Amino acid sequence: MDKFLINRHSLDLALNFDFSKSTKFELYRRKDNRSFRFIRYDGKNYDELYEFLQDKDNSVLIPPSKRLYPGKLYNVNGKNKFQAISEG
């Protein structure tokens, strides 16, 4: 019973999590065994953004910091393409 309560509490936390306020997070999709990584660029964390999104995959091209907008959320899509996430 305790394990069920712990799992239920974890699920409630995940469902009520406000992703718009987080700076870095990763979502995992069990259906096709893929991870989706997101990070918010604050103007100073380019090295962290580069390492987190590229994840040792040299085929992912990340633009230089002067082409990124501070406060914007970025990720790499399934085709290894760097993209900004619209929060509208």
N, C-alpha and C. Protein backbone atom coordinates (compact mmCIF):
# COMPACT_ATOMS: atom_id res chain seq x y z
N MET A 1 0.82 -1.20 0.00
CA MET A 1 0.00 0.00 0.00
C MET A 1 0.86 1.25 0.00
N ASP A 2 1.98 1.22 0.74
CA ASP A 2 2.86 2.38 0.80
C ASP A 2 3.44 2.70 -0.58
N LYS A 3 3.80 1.65 -1.34
CA LYS A 3 4.36 1.86 -2.67
C LYS A 3 3.34 2.53 -3.59
N PHE A 4 2.09 2.13 -3.48
CA PHE A 4 1.03 2.75 -4.28
C PHE A 4 0.89 4.23 -3.94
N LEU A 5 0.95 4.57 -2.66
CA LEU A 5 0.82 5.97 -2.25
C LEU A 5 1.99 6.80 -2.75
N ILE A 6 3.20 6.24 -2.72
CA ILE A 6 4.38 6.96 -3.22
C ILE A 6 4.24 7.19 -4.72
N ASN A 7 3.85 6.15 -5.47
CA ASN A 7 3.68 6.29 -6.92
C ASN A 7 2.57 7.27 -7.25
N ARG A 8 1.49 7.24 -6.49
CA ARG A 8 0.37 8.15 -6.71
C ARG A 8 0.80 9.59 -6.44
N HIS A 9 1.58 9.80 -5.39
CA HIS A 9 2.08 11.14 -5.06
C HIS A 9 3.01 11.64 -6.18
N SER A 10 3.87 10.79 -6.71
CA SER A 10 4.76 11.16 -7.80
C SER A 10 3.97 11.53 -9.05
N LEU A 11 2.94 10.78 -9.33
CA LEU A 11 2.09 11.07 -10.48
C LEU A 11 1.37 12.41 -10.30
N ASP A 12 0.85 12.67 -9.12
CA ASP A 12 0.18 13.95 -8.86
C ASP A 12 1.15 15.12 -9.03
N LEU A 13 2.38 14.97 -8.55
CA LEU A 13 3.37 16.03 -8.72
C LEU A 13 3.68 16.27 -10.19
N ALA A 14 3.82 15.19 -10.95
CA ALA A 14 4.14 15.32 -12.38
C ALA A 14 3.00 15.98 -13.15
N LEU A 15 1.76 15.62 -12.83
CA LEU A 15 0.62 16.19 -13.55
C LEU A 15 0.39 17.66 -13.22
N ASN A 16 0.76 18.07 -12.02
CA ASN A 16 0.53 19.46 -11.60
C ASN A 16 1.77 20.33 -11.74
N PHE A 17 2.83 19.82 -12.35
CA PHE A 17 4.07 20.57 -12.50
C PHE A 17 3.90 21.68 -13.53
N ASP A 18 4.36 22.88 -13.22
CA ASP A 18 4.25 24.02 -14.13
C ASP A 18 5.54 24.12 -14.95
N PHE A 19 5.51 23.57 -16.17
CA PHE A 19 6.70 23.56 -17.02
C PHE A 19 7.09 24.95 -17.51
N SER A 20 6.18 25.90 -17.49
CA SER A 20 6.49 27.24 -17.99
C SER A 20 7.47 27.98 -17.08
N LYS A 21 7.57 27.58 -15.82
CA LYS A 21 8.48 28.25 -14.90
C LYS A 21 9.81 27.52 -14.72
N SER A 22 9.95 26.33 -15.27
CA SER A 22 11.18 25.56 -15.10
C SER A 22 12.24 26.02 -16.11
N THR A 23 13.49 25.83 -15.75
CA THR A 23 14.58 26.26 -16.62
C THR A 23 15.15 25.12 -17.45
N LYS A 24 15.05 23.90 -16.93
CA LYS A 24 15.60 22.75 -17.66
C LYS A 24 14.83 21.51 -17.24
N PHE A 25 14.33 20.76 -18.22
CA PHE A 25 13.63 19.52 -17.89
C PHE A 25 13.69 18.57 -19.08
N GLU A 26 13.40 17.31 -18.80
CA GLU A 26 13.42 16.28 -19.83
C GLU A 26 12.15 15.44 -19.71
N LEU A 27 11.52 15.20 -20.82
CA LEU A 27 10.32 14.36 -20.86
C LEU A 27 10.67 13.07 -21.60
N TYR A 28 10.15 11.97 -21.11
CA TYR A 28 10.42 10.67 -21.71
C TYR A 28 9.12 10.07 -22.23
N ARG A 29 9.15 9.58 -23.46
CA ARG A 29 7.97 8.95 -24.05
C ARG A 29 8.26 7.46 -24.20
N ARG A 30 7.53 6.68 -23.44
CA ARG A 30 7.75 5.24 -23.39
C ARG A 30 7.33 4.56 -24.70
N LYS A 31 6.38 5.13 -25.40
CA LYS A 31 5.84 4.53 -26.62
C LYS A 31 6.94 4.18 -27.64
N ASP A 32 7.85 5.12 -27.88
CA ASP A 32 8.92 4.88 -28.84
C ASP A 32 10.31 5.07 -28.22
N ASN A 33 10.38 5.06 -26.89
CA ASN A 33 11.65 5.10 -26.17
C ASN A 33 12.48 6.34 -26.53
N ARG A 34 11.84 7.51 -26.49
CA ARG A 34 12.53 8.75 -26.82
C ARG A 34 12.48 9.72 -25.65
N SER A 35 13.52 10.54 -25.56
CA SER A 35 13.57 11.60 -24.56
C SER A 35 13.53 12.94 -25.26
N PHE A 36 12.86 13.89 -24.66
CA PHE A 36 12.77 15.24 -25.19
C PHE A 36 13.35 16.18 -24.14
N ARG A 37 14.36 16.92 -24.50
CA ARG A 37 15.04 17.81 -23.56
C ARG A 37 14.69 19.26 -23.88
N PHE A 38 14.40 20.02 -22.84
CA PHE A 38 14.05 21.43 -22.97
C PHE A 38 14.91 22.24 -22.02
N ILE A 39 15.31 23.43 -22.45
CA ILE A 39 16.09 24.32 -21.59
C ILE A 39 15.75 25.76 -21.95
N ARG A 40 15.69 26.59 -20.92
CA ARG A 40 15.42 28.01 -21.11
C ARG A 40 16.75 28.76 -21.14
N TYR A 41 16.96 29.54 -22.18
CA TYR A 41 18.19 30.32 -22.32
C TYR A 41 18.04 31.63 -21.57
N ASP A 42 18.97 31.91 -20.65
CA ASP A 42 18.88 33.14 -19.86
C ASP A 42 19.92 34.18 -20.26
N GLY A 43 20.65 33.94 -21.34
CA GLY A 43 21.65 34.89 -21.80
C GLY A 43 23.04 34.57 -21.28
N LYS A 44 23.14 33.71 -20.27
CA LYS A 44 24.45 33.38 -19.68
C LYS A 44 24.73 31.89 -19.67
N ASN A 45 23.75 31.07 -19.93
CA ASN A 45 23.93 29.62 -19.80
C ASN A 45 24.11 28.91 -21.15
N TYR A 46 24.82 29.53 -22.08
CA TYR A 46 24.99 28.94 -23.40
C TYR A 46 25.74 27.61 -23.33
N ASP A 47 26.79 27.52 -22.53
CA ASP A 47 27.56 26.27 -22.43
C ASP A 47 26.69 25.13 -21.90
N GLU A 48 25.87 25.43 -20.90
CA GLU A 48 24.97 24.42 -20.35
C GLU A 48 23.93 24.01 -21.40
N LEU A 49 23.37 24.98 -22.11
CA LEU A 49 22.40 24.71 -23.17
C LEU A 49 23.02 23.82 -24.24
N TYR A 50 24.23 24.15 -24.64
CA TYR A 50 24.92 23.41 -25.69
C TYR A 50 25.14 21.95 -25.28
N GLU A 51 25.66 21.73 -24.07
CA GLU A 51 25.91 20.36 -23.60
C GLU A 51 24.61 19.58 -23.40
N PHE A 52 23.62 20.22 -22.83
CA PHE A 52 22.36 19.54 -22.51
C PHE A 52 21.60 19.13 -23.77
N LEU A 53 21.52 20.01 -24.75
CA LEU A 53 20.75 19.70 -25.95
C LEU A 53 21.51 18.85 -26.96
N GLN A 54 22.82 19.07 -27.04
CA GLN A 54 23.58 18.28 -28.01
C GLN A 54 23.78 16.85 -27.51
N ASP A 55 23.98 16.67 -26.25
CA ASP A 55 24.08 15.34 -25.62
C ASP A 55 25.02 14.41 -26.39
N LYS A 56 26.21 14.91 -26.69
CA LYS A 56 27.28 14.14 -27.36
C LYS A 56 26.90 13.67 -28.76
N ASP A 57 25.95 14.33 -29.39
CA ASP A 57 25.55 13.99 -30.76
C ASP A 57 25.96 15.15 -31.66
N ASN A 58 27.04 14.96 -32.41
CA ASN A 58 27.58 16.04 -33.24
C ASN A 58 26.71 16.40 -34.43
N SER A 59 25.69 15.61 -34.72
CA SER A 59 24.81 15.93 -35.84
C SER A 59 23.81 17.04 -35.48
N VAL A 60 23.68 17.36 -34.19
CA VAL A 60 22.79 18.43 -33.75
C VAL A 60 23.55 19.75 -33.86
N LEU A 61 23.06 20.64 -34.69
CA LEU A 61 23.71 21.94 -34.87
C LEU A 61 22.99 22.98 -34.02
N ILE A 62 23.73 23.61 -33.12
CA ILE A 62 23.17 24.63 -32.24
C ILE A 62 23.77 25.97 -32.64
N PRO A 63 22.94 26.97 -32.90
CA PRO A 63 23.45 28.27 -33.35
C PRO A 63 24.26 28.97 -32.26
N PRO A 64 25.07 29.95 -32.65
CA PRO A 64 25.84 30.71 -31.65
C PRO A 64 24.92 31.50 -30.73
N SER A 65 25.45 31.88 -29.58
CA SER A 65 24.65 32.55 -28.55
C SER A 65 24.06 33.87 -29.02
N LYS A 66 24.69 34.55 -29.96
CA LYS A 66 24.17 35.85 -30.42
C LYS A 66 22.87 35.69 -31.21
N ARG A 67 22.54 34.46 -31.66
CA ARG A 67 21.31 34.23 -32.40
C ARG A 67 20.18 33.68 -31.52
N LEU A 68 20.44 33.52 -30.22
CA LEU A 68 19.43 33.02 -29.29
C LEU A 68 18.83 34.18 -28.51
N TYR A 69 17.59 34.03 -28.11
CA TYR A 69 16.88 35.06 -27.36
C TYR A 69 16.79 34.68 -25.88
N PRO A 70 17.24 35.57 -24.99
CA PRO A 70 17.12 35.28 -23.55
C PRO A 70 15.65 35.15 -23.13
N GLY A 71 15.39 34.17 -22.27
CA GLY A 71 14.04 33.92 -21.79
C GLY A 71 13.24 32.95 -22.64
N LYS A 72 13.77 32.55 -23.77
CA LYS A 72 13.08 31.65 -24.69
C LYS A 72 13.41 30.19 -24.35
N LEU A 73 12.46 29.30 -24.58
CA LEU A 73 12.63 27.87 -24.33
C LEU A 73 13.04 27.18 -25.63
N TYR A 74 14.09 26.35 -25.57
CA TYR A 74 14.62 25.67 -26.75
C TYR A 74 14.66 24.18 -26.54
N ASN A 75 14.59 23.43 -27.65
CA ASN A 75 14.79 21.98 -27.59
C ASN A 75 15.30 21.48 -28.94
N VAL A 76 15.55 20.18 -29.01
CA VAL A 76 15.95 19.52 -30.25
C VAL A 76 14.84 18.56 -30.61
N ASN A 77 14.29 18.68 -31.81
CA ASN A 77 13.17 17.81 -32.19
C ASN A 77 13.67 16.43 -32.60
N GLY A 78 12.78 15.57 -33.00
CA GLY A 78 13.13 14.20 -33.34
C GLY A 78 14.04 14.06 -34.54
N LYS A 79 14.15 15.08 -35.36
CA LYS A 79 15.01 15.04 -36.55
C LYS A 79 16.34 15.75 -36.30
N ASN A 80 16.72 15.86 -35.03
CA ASN A 80 17.98 16.51 -34.63
C ASN A 80 18.06 17.96 -35.09
N LYS A 81 16.93 18.63 -35.09
CA LYS A 81 16.90 20.04 -35.48
C LYS A 81 16.63 20.90 -34.26
N PHE A 82 17.48 21.87 -34.03
CA PHE A 82 17.34 22.81 -32.93
C PHE A 82 16.18 23.74 -33.21
N GLN A 83 15.34 23.98 -32.19
CA GLN A 83 14.19 24.84 -32.42
C GLN A 83 13.78 25.58 -31.15
N ALA A 84 13.15 26.73 -31.33
CA ALA A 84 12.58 27.50 -30.22
C ALA A 84 11.15 27.04 -30.02
N ILE A 85 10.72 27.03 -28.77
CA ILE A 85 9.37 26.59 -28.43
C ILE A 85 8.49 27.82 -28.24
N SER A 86 7.39 27.87 -28.94
CA SER A 86 6.44 28.97 -28.78
C SER A 86 5.64 28.73 -27.52
N GLU A 87 5.51 29.74 -26.70
CA GLU A 87 4.78 29.60 -25.46
C GLU A 87 3.41 30.28 -25.53
N GLY A 88 2.92 30.46 -26.73
CA GLY A 88 1.64 31.12 -26.94
C GLY A 88 0.46 30.21 -26.84
